[in-house]
Amino acid sequence: MSTENLGRKARIRKLIGRIKSDKMDKTVVVEVMRYKMDPVYKKYVKERRRYKAHDENNEYKTGDRVEIVEHRPLSREKRWKVARLIERPDLAS
């Protein structure tokens, strides 16, 4: 290990996505959408990935837009934690 990296703090990964499921206890499924260029057709295509994130008080609901941060492993599939609510959907329709 080189000495120039010893003083630096590791960068915390943050992602923004929409909650697809809140049926589990203290866990939500967050879907993150990204746009990635196709190497053959040179067009941007949607790429989605789902992450299980920790929600301690079961306060976030399906449809909420949230920010998740990387965290130590909490279970076999859960390595993210919900950091904050960005937007709640308008249900006055």
PDB file of N, CA and C in Angstrom:
ATOM      1  N   MET A   1       0.847  -1.182   0.000  1.00  0.00           N
ATOM      2  CA  MET A   1       0.000   0.000   0.000  1.00  0.00           C
ATOM      3  C   MET A   1       0.889   1.240   0.000  1.00  0.00           C
ATOM      4  N   SER A   2       0.584   2.169  -0.843  1.00  0.00           N
ATOM      5  CA  SER A   2       1.401   3.371  -0.932  1.00  0.00           C
ATOM      6  C   SER A   2       1.028   4.361   0.173  1.00  0.00           C
ATOM      7  N   THR A   3       1.976   5.236   0.478  1.00  0.00           N
ATOM      8  CA  THR A   3       1.778   6.165   1.591  1.00  0.00           C
ATOM      9  C   THR A   3       0.941   7.377   1.220  1.00  0.00           C
ATOM     10  N   GLU A   4       0.788   7.684  -0.073  1.00  0.00           N
ATOM     11  CA  GLU A   4       0.028   8.890  -0.426  1.00  0.00           C
ATOM     12  C   GLU A   4      -1.480   8.740  -0.225  1.00  0.00           C
ATOM     13  N   ASN A   5      -1.985   7.517  -0.114  1.00  0.00           N
ATOM     14  CA  ASN A   5      -3.422   7.309   0.065  1.00  0.00           C
ATOM     15  C   ASN A   5      -3.831   7.132   1.529  1.00  0.00           C
ATOM     16  N   LEU A   6      -2.897   7.174   2.444  1.00  0.00           N
ATOM     17  CA  LEU A   6      -3.227   6.928   3.843  1.00  0.00           C
ATOM     18  C   LEU A   6      -4.051   8.041   4.466  1.00  0.00           C
ATOM     19  N   GLY A   7      -3.848   9.293   4.085  1.00  0.00           N
ATOM     20  CA  GLY A   7      -4.540  10.402   4.707  1.00  0.00           C
ATOM     21  C   GLY A   7      -5.902  10.698   4.111  1.00  0.00           C
ATOM     22  N   ARG A   8      -6.262  10.072   3.031  1.00  0.00           N
ATOM     23  CA  ARG A   8      -7.526  10.380   2.360  1.00  0.00           C
ATOM     24  C   ARG A   8      -8.678   9.563   2.927  1.00  0.00           C
ATOM     25  N   LYS A   9      -9.836  10.193   2.962  1.00  0.00           N
ATOM     26  CA  LYS A   9     -11.036   9.513   3.419  1.00  0.00           C
ATOM     27  C   LYS A   9     -11.711   8.853   2.223  1.00  0.00           C
ATOM     28  N   ALA A  10     -12.240   7.680   2.416  1.00  0.00           N
ATOM     29  CA  ALA A  10     -12.924   6.980   1.333  1.00  0.00           C
ATOM     30  C   ALA A  10     -14.187   7.731   0.934  1.00  0.00           C
ATOM     31  N   ARG A  11     -14.449   7.803  -0.356  1.00  0.00           N
ATOM     32  CA  ARG A  11     -15.622   8.518  -0.842  1.00  0.00           C
ATOM     33  C   ARG A  11     -16.870   7.651  -0.683  1.00  0.00           C
ATOM     34  N   ILE A  12     -17.903   8.211  -0.086  1.00  0.00           N
ATOM     35  CA  ILE A  12     -19.144   7.470   0.156  1.00  0.00           C
ATOM     36  C   ILE A  12     -19.979   7.503  -1.105  1.00  0.00           C
ATOM     37  N   ARG A  13     -20.389   6.330  -1.580  1.00  0.00           N
ATOM     38  CA  ARG A  13     -21.214   6.255  -2.777  1.00  0.00           C
ATOM     39  C   ARG A  13     -22.653   6.619  -2.435  1.00  0.00           C
ATOM     40  N   LYS A  14     -23.256   7.487  -3.270  1.00  0.00           N
ATOM     41  CA  LYS A  14     -24.648   7.899  -3.094  1.00  0.00           C
ATOM     42  C   LYS A  14     -25.385   7.686  -4.400  1.00  0.00           C
ATOM     43  N   LEU A  15     -26.616   7.196  -4.303  1.00  0.00           N
ATOM     44  CA  LEU A  15     -27.452   6.985  -5.484  1.00  0.00           C
ATOM     45  C   LEU A  15     -28.840   7.551  -5.212  1.00  0.00           C
ATOM     46  N   ILE A  16     -29.518   7.954  -6.280  1.00  0.00           N
ATOM     47  CA  ILE A  16     -30.889   8.464  -6.161  1.00  0.00           C
ATOM     48  C   ILE A  16     -31.797   7.549  -6.967  1.00  0.00           C
ATOM     49  N   GLY A  17     -32.898   7.137  -6.334  1.00  0.00           N
ATOM     50  CA  GLY A  17     -33.822   6.242  -7.012  1.00  0.00           C
ATOM     51  C   GLY A  17     -35.216   6.331  -6.425  1.00  0.00           C
ATOM     52  N   ARG A  18     -36.108   5.525  -6.985  1.00  0.00           N
ATOM     53  CA  ARG A  18     -37.499   5.517  -6.560  1.00  0.00           C
ATOM     54  C   ARG A  18     -37.810   4.192  -5.871  1.00  0.00           C
ATOM     55  N   ILE A  19     -38.573   4.261  -4.785  1.00  0.00           N
ATOM     56  CA  ILE A  19     -38.918   3.053  -4.032  1.00  0.00           C
ATOM     57  C   ILE A  19     -39.979   2.257  -4.787  1.00  0.00           C
ATOM     58  N   LYS A  20     -39.678   0.991  -5.043  1.00  0.00           N
ATOM     59  CA  LYS A  20     -40.601   0.107  -5.752  1.00  0.00           C
ATOM     60  C   LYS A  20     -41.385  -0.792  -4.810  1.00  0.00           C
ATOM     61  N   SER A  21     -40.824  -1.066  -3.623  1.00  0.00           N
ATOM     62  CA  SER A  21     -41.508  -1.942  -2.681  1.00  0.00           C
ATOM     63  C   SER A  21     -41.130  -1.557  -1.258  1.00  0.00           C
ATOM     64  N   ASP A  22     -42.153  -1.567  -0.372  1.00  0.00           N
ATOM     65  CA  ASP A  22     -41.902  -1.321   1.047  1.00  0.00           C
ATOM     66  C   ASP A  22     -42.583  -2.388   1.894  1.00  0.00           C
ATOM     67  N   LYS A  23     -42.739  -3.579   1.346  1.00  0.00           N
ATOM     68  CA  LYS A  23     -43.484  -4.636   2.027  1.00  0.00           C
ATOM     69  C   LYS A  23     -42.693  -5.332   3.129  1.00  0.00           C
ATOM     70  N   MET A  24     -41.363  -5.249   3.074  1.00  0.00           N
ATOM     71  CA  MET A  24     -40.547  -5.900   4.086  1.00  0.00           C
ATOM     72  C   MET A  24     -40.412  -4.995   5.313  1.00  0.00           C
ATOM     73  N   ASP A  25     -40.082  -5.597   6.438  1.00  0.00           N
ATOM     74  CA  ASP A  25     -39.899  -4.831   7.670  1.00  0.00           C
ATOM     75  C   ASP A  25     -38.498  -4.226   7.675  1.00  0.00           C
ATOM     76  N   LYS A  26     -38.419  -2.898   7.817  1.00  0.00           N
ATOM     77  CA  LYS A  26     -37.170  -2.133   7.876  1.00  0.00           C
ATOM     78  C   LYS A  26     -36.335  -2.231   6.600  1.00  0.00           C
ATOM     79  N   THR A  27     -36.953  -2.602   5.483  1.00  0.00           N
ATOM     80  CA  THR A  27     -36.245  -2.711   4.217  1.00  0.00           C
ATOM     81  C   THR A  27     -37.119  -2.179   3.095  1.00  0.00           C
ATOM     82  N   VAL A  28     -36.516  -1.429   2.176  1.00  0.00           N
ATOM     83  CA  VAL A  28     -37.208  -0.978   0.977  1.00  0.00           C
ATOM     84  C   VAL A  28     -36.381  -1.392  -0.241  1.00  0.00           C
ATOM     85  N   VAL A  29     -37.059  -1.572  -1.378  1.00  0.00           N
ATOM     86  CA  VAL A  29     -36.383  -1.874  -2.628  1.00  0.00           C
ATOM     87  C   VAL A  29     -36.366  -0.587  -3.443  1.00  0.00           C
ATOM     88  N   VAL A  30     -35.160  -0.103  -3.761  1.00  0.00           N
ATOM     89  CA  VAL A  30     -34.991   1.153  -4.478  1.00  0.00           C
ATOM     90  C   VAL A  30     -34.497   0.841  -5.882  1.00  0.00           C
ATOM     91  N   GLU A  31     -35.203   1.378  -6.884  1.00  0.00           N
ATOM     92  CA  GLU A  31     -34.809   1.173  -8.278  1.00  0.00           C
ATOM     93  C   GLU A  31     -34.083   2.417  -8.774  1.00  0.00           C
ATOM     94  N   VAL A  32     -32.856   2.239  -9.232  1.00  0.00           N
ATOM     95  CA  VAL A  32     -32.027   3.338  -9.728  1.00  0.00           C
ATOM     96  C   VAL A  32     -31.956   3.226 -11.242  1.00  0.00           C
ATOM     97  N   MET A  33     -32.336   4.320 -11.933  1.00  0.00           N
ATOM     98  CA  MET A  33     -32.306   4.355 -13.405  1.00  0.00           C
ATOM     99  C   MET A  33     -31.066   5.125 -13.848  1.00  0.00           C
ATOM    100  N   ARG A  34     -30.360   4.550 -14.832  1.00  0.00           N
ATOM    101  CA  ARG A  34     -29.198   5.220 -15.417  1.00  0.00           C
ATOM    102  C   ARG A  34     -29.335   5.162 -16.928  1.00  0.00           C
ATOM    103  N   TYR A  35     -28.678   6.089 -17.590  1.00  0.00           N
ATOM    104  CA  TYR A  35     -28.636   6.066 -19.047  1.00  0.00           C
ATOM    105  C   TYR A  35     -27.219   5.725 -19.459  1.00  0.00           C
ATOM    106  N   LYS A  36     -27.098   4.667 -20.274  1.00  0.00           N
ATOM    107  CA  LYS A  36     -25.795   4.172 -20.680  1.00  0.00           C
ATOM    108  C   LYS A  36     -25.760   4.103 -22.200  1.00  0.00           C
ATOM    109  N   MET A  37     -24.655   4.531 -22.799  1.00  0.00           N
ATOM    110  CA  MET A  37     -24.557   4.506 -24.247  1.00  0.00           C
ATOM    111  C   MET A  37     -24.309   3.080 -24.732  1.00  0.00           C
ATOM    112  N   ASP A  38     -25.103   2.653 -25.722  1.00  0.00           N
ATOM    113  CA  ASP A  38     -24.934   1.345 -26.321  1.00  0.00           C
ATOM    114  C   ASP A  38     -23.685   1.379 -27.203  1.00  0.00           C
ATOM    115  N   PRO A  39     -22.773   0.420 -27.028  1.00  0.00           N
ATOM    116  CA  PRO A  39     -21.519   0.479 -27.782  1.00  0.00           C
ATOM    117  C   PRO A  39     -21.684   0.259 -29.294  1.00  0.00           C
ATOM    118  N   VAL A  40     -22.716  -0.453 -29.710  1.00  0.00           N
ATOM    119  CA  VAL A  40     -22.911  -0.735 -31.136  1.00  0.00           C
ATOM    120  C   VAL A  40     -23.725   0.357 -31.810  1.00  0.00           C
ATOM    121  N   TYR A  41     -24.870   0.712 -31.220  1.00  0.00           N
ATOM    122  CA  TYR A  41     -25.803   1.634 -31.864  1.00  0.00           C
ATOM    123  C   TYR A  41     -25.594   3.101 -31.486  1.00  0.00           C
ATOM    124  N   LYS A  42     -24.718   3.360 -30.518  1.00  0.00           N
ATOM    125  CA  LYS A  42     -24.396   4.733 -30.098  1.00  0.00           C
ATOM    126  C   LYS A  42     -25.626   5.524 -29.655  1.00  0.00           C
ATOM    127  N   LYS A  43     -26.568   4.841 -29.041  1.00  0.00           N
ATOM    128  CA  LYS A  43     -27.746   5.493 -28.479  1.00  0.00           C
ATOM    129  C   LYS A  43     -27.750   5.238 -26.977  1.00  0.00           C
ATOM    130  N   TYR A  44     -28.364   6.158 -26.253  1.00  0.00           N
ATOM    131  CA  TYR A  44     -28.481   5.985 -24.813  1.00  0.00           C
ATOM    132  C   TYR A  44     -29.686   5.102 -24.504  1.00  0.00           C
ATOM    133  N   VAL A  45     -29.447   4.073 -23.713  1.00  0.00           N
ATOM    134  CA  VAL A  45     -30.509   3.167 -23.310  1.00  0.00           C
ATOM    135  C   VAL A  45     -30.651   3.217 -21.794  1.00  0.00           C
ATOM    136  N   LYS A  46     -31.878   3.009 -21.307  1.00  0.00           N
ATOM    137  CA  LYS A  46     -32.127   2.999 -19.870  1.00  0.00           C
ATOM    138  C   LYS A  46     -31.592   1.710 -19.282  1.00  0.00           C
ATOM    139  N   GLU A  47     -30.927   1.866 -18.160  1.00  0.00           N
ATOM    140  CA  GLU A  47     -30.433   0.714 -17.434  1.00  0.00           C
ATOM    141  C   GLU A  47     -30.941   0.846 -16.007  1.00  0.00           C
ATOM    142  N   ARG A  48     -31.601  -0.167 -15.486  1.00  0.00           N
ATOM    143  CA  ARG A  48     -32.136  -0.070 -14.125  1.00  0.00           C
ATOM    144  C   ARG A  48     -31.513  -1.143 -13.252  1.00  0.00           C
ATOM    145  N   ARG A  49     -31.368  -0.806 -11.995  1.00  0.00           N
ATOM    146  CA  ARG A  49     -30.821  -1.733 -11.022  1.00  0.00           C
ATOM    147  C   ARG A  49     -31.576  -1.536  -9.729  1.00  0.00           C
ATOM    148  N   ARG A  50     -31.860  -2.630  -9.052  1.00  0.00           N
ATOM    149  CA  ARG A  50     -32.601  -2.558  -7.797  1.00  0.00           C
ATOM    150  C   ARG A  50     -31.695  -2.885  -6.625  1.00  0.00           C
ATOM    151  N   TYR A  51     -31.809  -2.058  -5.596  1.00  0.00           N
ATOM    152  CA  TYR A  51     -31.015  -2.226  -4.389  1.00  0.00           C
ATOM    153  C   TYR A  51     -31.946  -2.359  -3.204  1.00  0.00           C
ATOM    154  N   LYS A  52     -31.598  -3.244  -2.270  1.00  0.00           N
ATOM    155  CA  LYS A  52     -32.322  -3.315  -1.003  1.00  0.00           C
ATOM    156  C   LYS A  52     -31.631  -2.370  -0.033  1.00  0.00           C
ATOM    157  N   ALA A  53     -32.418  -1.475   0.566  1.00  0.00           N
ATOM    158  CA  ALA A  53     -31.862  -0.467   1.464  1.00  0.00           C
ATOM    159  C   ALA A  53     -32.561  -0.528   2.825  1.00  0.00           C
ATOM    160  N   HIS A  54     -31.819  -0.160   3.854  1.00  0.00           N
ATOM    161  CA  HIS A  54     -32.322  -0.200   5.227  1.00  0.00           C
ATOM    162  C   HIS A  54     -33.154   1.046   5.527  1.00  0.00           C
ATOM    163  N   ASP A  55     -34.335   0.825   6.086  1.00  0.00           N
ATOM    164  CA  ASP A  55     -35.248   1.900   6.500  1.00  0.00           C
ATOM    165  C   ASP A  55     -35.654   1.596   7.939  1.00  0.00           C
ATOM    166  N   GLU A  56     -34.952   2.174   8.890  1.00  0.00           N
ATOM    167  CA  GLU A  56     -35.087   1.816  10.305  1.00  0.00           C
ATOM    168  C   GLU A  56     -36.505   1.981  10.839  1.00  0.00           C
ATOM    169  N   ASN A  57     -37.192   3.077  10.510  1.00  0.00           N
ATOM    170  CA  ASN A  57     -38.505   3.364  11.098  1.00  0.00           C
ATOM    171  C   ASN A  57     -39.671   3.092  10.164  1.00  0.00           C
ATOM    172  N   ASN A  58     -39.441   2.441   9.055  1.00  0.00           N
ATOM    173  CA  ASN A  58     -40.493   2.166   8.051  1.00  0.00           C
ATOM    174  C   ASN A  58     -41.233   3.438   7.658  1.00  0.00           C
ATOM    175  N   GLU A  59     -40.498   4.518   7.441  1.00  0.00           N
ATOM    176  CA  GLU A  59     -41.124   5.809   7.146  1.00  0.00           C
ATOM    177  C   GLU A  59     -41.267   6.102   5.664  1.00  0.00           C
ATOM    178  N   TYR A  60     -40.559   5.387   4.791  1.00  0.00           N
ATOM    179  CA  TYR A  60     -40.615   5.653   3.352  1.00  0.00           C
ATOM    180  C   TYR A  60     -41.591   4.689   2.688  1.00  0.00           C
ATOM    181  N   LYS A  61     -42.334   5.203   1.710  1.00  0.00           N
ATOM    182  CA  LYS A  61     -43.391   4.428   1.062  1.00  0.00           C
ATOM    183  C   LYS A  61     -43.114   4.261  -0.431  1.00  0.00           C
ATOM    184  N   THR A  62     -43.848   3.378  -1.059  1.00  0.00           N
ATOM    185  CA  THR A  62     -43.707   3.128  -2.489  1.00  0.00           C
ATOM    186  C   THR A  62     -43.968   4.406  -3.283  1.00  0.00           C
ATOM    187  N   GLY A  63     -43.077   4.692  -4.224  1.00  0.00           N
ATOM    188  CA  GLY A  63     -43.208   5.881  -5.052  1.00  0.00           C
ATOM    189  C   GLY A  63     -42.341   7.040  -4.601  1.00  0.00           C
ATOM    190  N   ASP A  64     -41.842   7.009  -3.376  1.00  0.00           N
ATOM    191  CA  ASP A  64     -40.983   8.086  -2.881  1.00  0.00           C
ATOM    192  C   ASP A  64     -39.654   8.075  -3.625  1.00  0.00           C
ATOM    193  N   ARG A  65     -39.133   9.271  -3.868  1.00  0.00           N
ATOM    194  CA  ARG A  65     -37.801   9.401  -4.459  1.00  0.00           C
ATOM    195  C   ARG A  65     -36.833   9.654  -3.318  1.00  0.00           C
ATOM    196  N   VAL A  66     -35.808   8.801  -3.182  1.00  0.00           N
ATOM    197  CA  VAL A  66     -34.907   8.862  -2.038  1.00  0.00           C
ATOM    198  C   VAL A  66     -33.452   8.798  -2.483  1.00  0.00           C
ATOM    199  N   GLU A  67     -32.583   9.210  -1.565  1.00  0.00           N
ATOM    200  CA  GLU A  67     -31.146   9.059  -1.760  1.00  0.00           C
ATOM    201  C   GLU A  67     -30.673   7.937  -0.849  1.00  0.00           C
ATOM    202  N   ILE A  68     -29.887   7.007  -1.396  1.00  0.00           N
ATOM    203  CA  ILE A  68     -29.342   5.918  -0.591  1.00  0.00           C
ATOM    204  C   ILE A  68     -27.824   6.044  -0.564  1.00  0.00           C
ATOM    205  N   VAL A  69     -27.232   5.627   0.554  1.00  0.00           N
ATOM    206  CA  VAL A  69     -25.780   5.669   0.710  1.00  0.00           C
ATOM    207  C   VAL A  69     -25.276   4.264   1.026  1.00  0.00           C
ATOM    208  N   GLU A  70     -24.048   4.006   0.598  1.00  0.00           N
ATOM    209  CA  GLU A  70     -23.448   2.710   0.846  1.00  0.00           C
ATOM    210  C   GLU A  70     -23.188   2.545   2.336  1.00  0.00           C
ATOM    211  N   HIS A  71     -23.376   1.324   2.832  1.00  0.00           N
ATOM    212  CA  HIS A  71     -23.283   1.049   4.265  1.00  0.00           C
ATOM    213  C   HIS A  71     -22.650  -0.323   4.439  1.00  0.00           C
ATOM    214  N   ARG A  72     -22.240  -0.626   5.658  1.00  0.00           N
ATOM    215  CA  ARG A  72     -21.705  -1.963   5.915  1.00  0.00           C
ATOM    216  C   ARG A  72     -22.806  -3.000   5.682  1.00  0.00           C
ATOM    217  N   PRO A  73     -22.471  -4.253   5.429  1.00  0.00           N
ATOM    218  CA  PRO A  73     -23.503  -5.273   5.194  1.00  0.00           C
ATOM    219  C   PRO A  73     -24.418  -5.437   6.408  1.00  0.00           C
ATOM    220  N   LEU A  74     -25.727  -5.330   6.158  1.00  0.00           N
ATOM    221  CA  LEU A  74     -26.721  -5.492   7.219  1.00  0.00           C
ATOM    222  C   LEU A  74     -27.409  -6.850   7.133  1.00  0.00           C
ATOM    223  N   SER A  75     -27.401  -7.453   5.953  1.00  0.00           N
ATOM    224  CA  SER A  75     -27.930  -8.795   5.754  1.00  0.00           C
ATOM    225  C   SER A  75     -27.269  -9.347   4.490  1.00  0.00           C
ATOM    226  N   ARG A  76     -27.761 -10.446   3.979  1.00  0.00           N
ATOM    227  CA  ARG A  76     -27.128 -11.070   2.818  1.00  0.00           C
ATOM    228  C   ARG A  76     -27.153 -10.178   1.585  1.00  0.00           C
ATOM    229  N   GLU A  77     -28.268  -9.444   1.377  1.00  0.00           N
ATOM    230  CA  GLU A  77     -28.409  -8.614   0.182  1.00  0.00           C
ATOM    231  C   GLU A  77     -28.437  -7.119   0.469  1.00  0.00           C
ATOM    232  N   LYS A  78     -28.465  -6.742   1.730  1.00  0.00           N
ATOM    233  CA  LYS A  78     -28.666  -5.337   2.093  1.00  0.00           C
ATOM    234  C   LYS A  78     -27.342  -4.663   2.441  1.00  0.00           C
ATOM    235  N   ARG A  79     -26.879  -3.758   1.536  1.00  0.00           N
ATOM    236  CA  ARG A  79     -25.634  -3.031   1.763  1.00  0.00           C
ATOM    237  C   ARG A  79     -25.818  -1.529   1.581  1.00  0.00           C
ATOM    238  N   TRP A  80     -27.049  -1.060   1.608  1.00  0.00           N
ATOM    239  CA  TRP A  80     -27.355   0.357   1.418  1.00  0.00           C
ATOM    240  C   TRP A  80     -28.294   0.812   2.523  1.00  0.00           C
ATOM    241  N   LYS A  81     -28.306   2.123   2.777  1.00  0.00           N
ATOM    242  CA  LYS A  81     -29.167   2.700   3.799  1.00  0.00           C
ATOM    243  C   LYS A  81     -29.820   3.950   3.221  1.00  0.00           C
ATOM    244  N   VAL A  82     -31.099   4.158   3.497  1.00  0.00           N
ATOM    245  CA  VAL A  82     -31.790   5.347   2.994  1.00  0.00           C
ATOM    246  C   VAL A  82     -31.292   6.553   3.772  1.00  0.00           C
ATOM    247  N   ALA A  83     -30.788   7.565   3.033  1.00  0.00           N
ATOM    248  CA  ALA A  83     -30.221   8.750   3.674  1.00  0.00           C
ATOM    249  C   ALA A  83     -31.271   9.833   3.874  1.00  0.00           C
ATOM    250  N   ARG A  84     -32.034  10.124   2.812  1.00  0.00           N
ATOM    251  CA  ARG A  84     -33.016  11.210   2.934  1.00  0.00           C
ATOM    252  C   ARG A  84     -34.082  11.077   1.863  1.00  0.00           C
ATOM    253  N   LEU A  85     -35.194  11.732   2.141  1.00  0.00           N
ATOM    254  CA  LEU A  85     -36.305  11.806   1.194  1.00  0.00           C
ATOM    255  C   LEU A  85     -36.072  12.996   0.272  1.00  0.00           C
ATOM    256  N   ILE A  86     -36.199  12.779  -1.018  1.00  0.00           N
ATOM    257  CA  ILE A  86     -36.036  13.870  -1.977  1.00  0.00           C
ATOM    258  C   ILE A  86     -37.393  14.393  -2.412  1.00  0.00           C
ATOM    259  N   GLU A  87     -38.311  13.481  -2.722  1.00  0.00           N
ATOM    260  CA  GLU A  87     -39.610  13.896  -3.234  1.00  0.00           C
ATOM    261  C   GLU A  87     -40.654  12.844  -2.914  1.00  0.00           C
ATOM    262  N   ARG A  88     -41.808  13.265  -2.510  1.00  0.00           N
ATOM    263  CA  ARG A  88     -42.922  12.363  -2.270  1.00  0.00           C
ATOM    264  C   ARG A  88     -43.944  12.589  -3.391  1.00  0.00           C
ATOM    265  N   PRO A  89     -44.513  11.525  -3.965  1.00  0.00           N
ATOM    266  CA  PRO A  89     -45.439  11.719  -5.089  1.00  0.00           C
ATOM    267  C   PRO A  89     -46.711  12.438  -4.669  1.00  0.00           C
ATOM    268  N   ASP A  90     -47.241  13.243  -5.597  1.00  0.00           N
ATOM    269  CA  ASP A  90     -48.481  13.980  -5.335  1.00  0.00           C
ATOM    270  C   ASP A  90     -49.658  13.045  -5.576  1.00  0.00           C
ATOM    271  N   LEU A  91     -50.403  12.721  -4.523  1.00  0.00           N
ATOM    272  CA  LEU A  91     -51.503  11.764  -4.620  1.00  0.00           C
ATOM    273  C   LEU A  91     -52.868  12.446  -4.691  1.00  0.00           C
ATOM    274  N   ALA A  92     -52.917  13.736  -5.021  1.00  0.00           N
ATOM    275  CA  ALA A  92     -54.175  14.477  -5.054  1.00  0.00           C
ATOM    276  C   ALA A  92     -54.785  14.434  -6.437  1.00  0.00           C
ATOM    277  N   SER A  93     -54.942  13.230  -7.012  1.00  0.00           N
ATOM    278  CA  SER A  93     -55.530  13.141  -8.352  1.00  0.00           C
ATOM    279  C   SER A  93     -56.926  12.574  -8.318  1.00  0.00           C
TER     280      SER A  93
END
